[in-house]
Amino acid sequence: MSNATVRRSIYTEQAPAAIGPYSQAFAVGSTVYVSGQIPLDPETGALVTDSFRAQVEQVFDNLEAVAEAAGGRLSDAVRIGLYVTDMSGFSVVNEVMAERLSEPYPSRAAIGVAELPKGAAVEADAILIVG
């Protein structure tokens, strides 16, 4: 069996449990597909509501935790998808992303949406190449 066909589900208690029928991430060989992360505190399961920045930081914390559970780091991301309910806060997303990652930055999509699960203001998913 080649490395590209080895598949495994990724789970960590350091990130929120899935709130539906999906894995926190799924690895196929060295490629890891991280499911959308909203700003849930993994210890309490509660939505972080302190500020938009706090929500963005929690989303990136959750992405990092899942990346580590997959044997990598968020810096292994080759693509990040961002979903926000209010594009006026997008500069904050850029600031947090610049603090958490370094050049060359991963490719990215930023999409304005009407709403997100549990009333979150931001969600992000990622594709990583690890190992």
C-alpha atoms as a PDB file:
ATOM      1  CA  MET A   1       0.000   0.000   0.000  1.00  0.00           C
ATOM      2  CA  SER A   2       1.496   3.343  -0.999  1.00  0.00           C
ATOM      3  CA  ASN A   3       1.695   6.248   1.443  1.00  0.00           C
ATOM      4  CA  ALA A   4      -0.948   8.147  -0.565  1.00  0.00           C
ATOM      5  CA  THR A   5      -3.567   5.506   0.230  1.00  0.00           C
ATOM      6  CA  VAL A   6      -3.002   5.393   4.009  1.00  0.00           C
ATOM      7  CA  ARG A   7      -6.036   7.127   5.532  1.00  0.00           C
ATOM      8  CA  ARG A   8      -6.681   8.014   9.155  1.00  0.00           C
ATOM      9  CA  SER A   9      -9.046  10.131  11.177  1.00  0.00           C
ATOM     10  CA  ILE A  10      -7.448  12.708  13.481  1.00  0.00           C
ATOM     11  CA  TYR A  11      -8.796  13.507  16.936  1.00  0.00           C
ATOM     12  CA  THR A  12      -7.492  15.523  19.876  1.00  0.00           C
ATOM     13  CA  GLU A  13      -9.038  16.704  23.129  1.00  0.00           C
ATOM     14  CA  GLN A  14      -6.978  19.898  22.696  1.00  0.00           C
ATOM     15  CA  ALA A  15      -9.517  21.113  20.112  1.00  0.00           C
ATOM     16  CA  PRO A  16     -13.314  21.092  20.276  1.00  0.00           C
ATOM     17  CA  ALA A  17     -15.025  17.814  19.497  1.00  0.00           C
ATOM     18  CA  ALA A  18     -16.875  17.688  16.192  1.00  0.00           C
ATOM     19  CA  ILE A  19     -20.419  19.040  16.497  1.00  0.00           C
ATOM     20  CA  GLY A  20     -21.688  16.802  13.703  1.00  0.00           C
ATOM     21  CA  PRO A  21     -20.884  13.640  11.769  1.00  0.00           C
ATOM     22  CA  TYR A  22     -17.309  14.505  10.752  1.00  0.00           C
ATOM     23  CA  SER A  23     -13.710  14.138  11.914  1.00  0.00           C
ATOM     24  CA  GLN A  24     -11.664  17.031  13.312  1.00  0.00           C
ATOM     25  CA  ALA A  25      -9.304  16.202  10.465  1.00  0.00           C
ATOM     26  CA  PHE A  26      -8.591  13.401   8.057  1.00  0.00           C
ATOM     27  CA  ALA A  27      -5.154  12.445   6.772  1.00  0.00           C
ATOM     28  CA  VAL A  28      -4.497  10.755   3.464  1.00  0.00           C
ATOM     29  CA  GLY A  29      -0.792  10.006   3.313  1.00  0.00           C
ATOM     30  CA  SER A  30       1.000  13.221   4.254  1.00  0.00           C
ATOM     31  CA  THR A  31      -1.944  15.480   3.361  1.00  0.00           C
ATOM     32  CA  VAL A  32      -4.171  16.524   6.249  1.00  0.00           C
ATOM     33  CA  TYR A  33      -7.610  18.051   5.710  1.00  0.00           C
ATOM     34  CA  VAL A  34      -8.610  19.984   8.839  1.00  0.00           C
ATOM     35  CA  SER A  35     -12.354  20.477   9.262  1.00  0.00           C
ATOM     36  CA  GLY A  36     -13.747  23.927   9.882  1.00  0.00           C
ATOM     37  CA  GLN A  37     -12.922  25.203  13.350  1.00  0.00           C
ATOM     38  CA  ILE A  38     -15.134  27.719  15.085  1.00  0.00           C
ATOM     39  CA  PRO A  39     -14.110  29.568  18.273  1.00  0.00           C
ATOM     40  CA  LEU A  40     -15.162  26.937  20.779  1.00  0.00           C
ATOM     41  CA  ASP A  41     -13.137  26.511  23.938  1.00  0.00           C
ATOM     42  CA  PRO A  42     -12.103  22.831  23.868  1.00  0.00           C
ATOM     43  CA  GLU A  43     -12.373  22.511  27.668  1.00  0.00           C
ATOM     44  CA  THR A  44     -15.879  23.905  28.059  1.00  0.00           C
ATOM     45  CA  GLY A  45     -17.335  23.561  24.572  1.00  0.00           C
ATOM     46  CA  ALA A  46     -18.551  27.157  24.928  1.00  0.00           C
ATOM     47  CA  LEU A  47     -18.254  29.788  22.228  1.00  0.00           C
ATOM     48  CA  VAL A  48     -15.560  32.382  22.973  1.00  0.00           C
ATOM     49  CA  THR A  49     -17.401  35.715  22.975  1.00  0.00           C
ATOM     50  CA  ASP A  50     -14.899  38.190  24.467  1.00  0.00           C
ATOM     51  CA  SER A  51     -14.246  39.943  21.132  1.00  0.00           C
ATOM     52  CA  PHE A  52     -13.897  39.259  17.434  1.00  0.00           C
ATOM     53  CA  ARG A  53     -10.121  39.070  17.909  1.00  0.00           C
ATOM     54  CA  ALA A  54     -10.557  36.511  20.705  1.00  0.00           C
ATOM     55  CA  GLN A  55     -12.723  34.430  18.368  1.00  0.00           C
ATOM     56  CA  VAL A  56     -10.097  34.554  15.611  1.00  0.00           C
ATOM     57  CA  GLU A  57      -7.327  33.628  18.071  1.00  0.00           C
ATOM     58  CA  GLN A  58      -9.362  30.651  19.367  1.00  0.00           C
ATOM     59  CA  VAL A  59      -9.984  29.460  15.811  1.00  0.00           C
ATOM     60  CA  PHE A  60      -6.236  29.519  15.128  1.00  0.00           C
ATOM     61  CA  ASP A  61      -5.551  27.796  18.483  1.00  0.00           C
ATOM     62  CA  ASN A  62      -7.972  25.041  17.457  1.00  0.00           C
ATOM     63  CA  LEU A  63      -6.394  24.697  14.002  1.00  0.00           C
ATOM     64  CA  GLU A  64      -2.954  24.432  15.621  1.00  0.00           C
ATOM     65  CA  ALA A  65      -4.121  21.762  18.070  1.00  0.00           C
ATOM     66  CA  VAL A  66      -5.547  19.607  15.289  1.00  0.00           C
ATOM     67  CA  ALA A  67      -2.412  20.122  13.174  1.00  0.00           C
ATOM     68  CA  GLU A  68      -0.270  18.934  16.107  1.00  0.00           C
ATOM     69  CA  ALA A  69      -2.504  15.887  16.615  1.00  0.00           C
ATOM     70  CA  ALA A  70      -1.867  15.047  12.962  1.00  0.00           C
ATOM     71  CA  GLY A  71       1.900  15.204  13.527  1.00  0.00           C
ATOM     72  CA  GLY A  72       2.426  18.668  12.118  1.00  0.00           C
ATOM     73  CA  ARG A  73       2.074  22.351  12.857  1.00  0.00           C
ATOM     74  CA  LEU A  74      -0.115  25.104  11.502  1.00  0.00           C
ATOM     75  CA  SER A  75       2.962  26.310   9.601  1.00  0.00           C
ATOM     76  CA  ASP A  76       2.558  23.144   7.479  1.00  0.00           C
ATOM     77  CA  ALA A  77      -0.633  24.638   5.995  1.00  0.00           C
ATOM     78  CA  VAL A  78      -0.672  25.026   2.234  1.00  0.00           C
ATOM     79  CA  ARG A  79      -4.215  26.402   2.191  1.00  0.00           C
ATOM     80  CA  ILE A  80      -6.486  28.068   4.733  1.00  0.00           C
ATOM     81  CA  GLY A  81     -10.153  28.790   4.158  1.00  0.00           C
ATOM     82  CA  LEU A  82     -11.667  31.629   6.167  1.00  0.00           C
ATOM     83  CA  TYR A  83     -15.361  32.306   6.661  1.00  0.00           C
ATOM     84  CA  VAL A  84     -16.523  35.486   8.408  1.00  0.00           C
ATOM     85  CA  THR A  85     -19.945  36.928   9.100  1.00  0.00           C
ATOM     86  CA  ASP A  86     -18.727  40.543   9.015  1.00  0.00           C
ATOM     87  CA  MET A  87     -15.981  41.481   6.578  1.00  0.00           C
ATOM     88  CA  SER A  88     -15.322  44.733   8.483  1.00  0.00           C
ATOM     89  CA  GLY A  89     -13.250  42.675  10.929  1.00  0.00           C
ATOM     90  CA  PHE A  90     -11.133  41.151   8.212  1.00  0.00           C
ATOM     91  CA  SER A  91      -8.068  43.247   9.106  1.00  0.00           C
ATOM     92  CA  VAL A  92      -8.080  41.481  12.489  1.00  0.00           C
ATOM     93  CA  VAL A  93      -8.027  38.114  10.704  1.00  0.00           C
ATOM     94  CA  ASN A  94      -4.998  39.300   8.719  1.00  0.00           C
ATOM     95  CA  GLU A  95      -3.237  40.478  11.895  1.00  0.00           C
ATOM     96  CA  VAL A  96      -3.751  37.181  13.720  1.00  0.00           C
ATOM     97  CA  MET A  97      -2.747  35.167  10.678  1.00  0.00           C
ATOM     98  CA  ALA A  98       0.452  37.224  10.297  1.00  0.00           C
ATOM     99  CA  GLU A  99       1.224  36.655  14.011  1.00  0.00           C
ATOM    100  CA  ARG A 100       0.694  32.876  13.767  1.00  0.00           C
ATOM    101  CA  LEU A 101       2.325  32.168  10.393  1.00  0.00           C
ATOM    102  CA  SER A 102       5.329  33.420   8.475  1.00  0.00           C
ATOM    103  CA  GLU A 103       6.217  33.803   4.830  1.00  0.00           C
ATOM    104  CA  PRO A 104       5.696  32.127   2.551  1.00  0.00           C
ATOM    105  CA  TYR A 105       2.078  32.223   3.693  1.00  0.00           C
ATOM    106  CA  PRO A 106      -0.310  29.455   2.619  1.00  0.00           C
ATOM    107  CA  SER A 107      -2.837  30.072  -0.116  1.00  0.00           C
ATOM    108  CA  ARG A 108      -6.138  31.282   1.238  1.00  0.00           C
ATOM    109  CA  ALA A 109      -9.775  31.987   0.518  1.00  0.00           C
ATOM    110  CA  ALA A 110     -11.807  34.500   2.512  1.00  0.00           C
ATOM    111  CA  ILE A 111     -15.553  34.242   2.199  1.00  0.00           C
ATOM    112  CA  GLY A 112     -18.246  36.403   3.753  1.00  0.00           C
ATOM    113  CA  VAL A 113     -21.157  34.300   5.001  1.00  0.00           C
ATOM    114  CA  ALA A 114     -24.560  35.072   6.495  1.00  0.00           C
ATOM    115  CA  GLU A 115     -24.059  32.925   9.588  1.00  0.00           C
ATOM    116  CA  LEU A 116     -21.935  30.173  11.116  1.00  0.00           C
ATOM    117  CA  PRO A 117     -22.667  27.333  13.557  1.00  0.00           C
ATOM    118  CA  LYS A 118     -23.427  28.289  17.175  1.00  0.00           C
ATOM    119  CA  GLY A 119     -23.432  32.005  16.294  1.00  0.00           C
ATOM    120  CA  ALA A 120     -19.677  32.168  15.640  1.00  0.00           C
ATOM    121  CA  ALA A 121     -18.326  35.191  13.797  1.00  0.00           C
ATOM    122  CA  VAL A 122     -15.438  33.299  12.158  1.00  0.00           C
ATOM    123  CA  GLU A 123     -14.521  29.796  11.031  1.00  0.00           C
ATOM    124  CA  ALA A 124     -11.434  28.412   9.331  1.00  0.00           C
ATOM    125  CA  ASP A 125     -10.354  25.144   7.773  1.00  0.00           C
ATOM    126  CA  ALA A 126      -6.962  24.102   6.457  1.00  0.00           C
ATOM    127  CA  ILE A 127      -5.042  21.695   4.282  1.00  0.00           C
ATOM    128  CA  LEU A 128      -1.589  20.715   5.554  1.00  0.00           C
ATOM    129  CA  ILE A 129       1.296  18.692   4.210  1.00  0.00           C
ATOM    130  CA  VAL A 130       3.070  17.033   7.150  1.00  0.00           C
ATOM    131  CA  GLY A 131       6.126  14.827   7.544  1.00  0.00           C
END
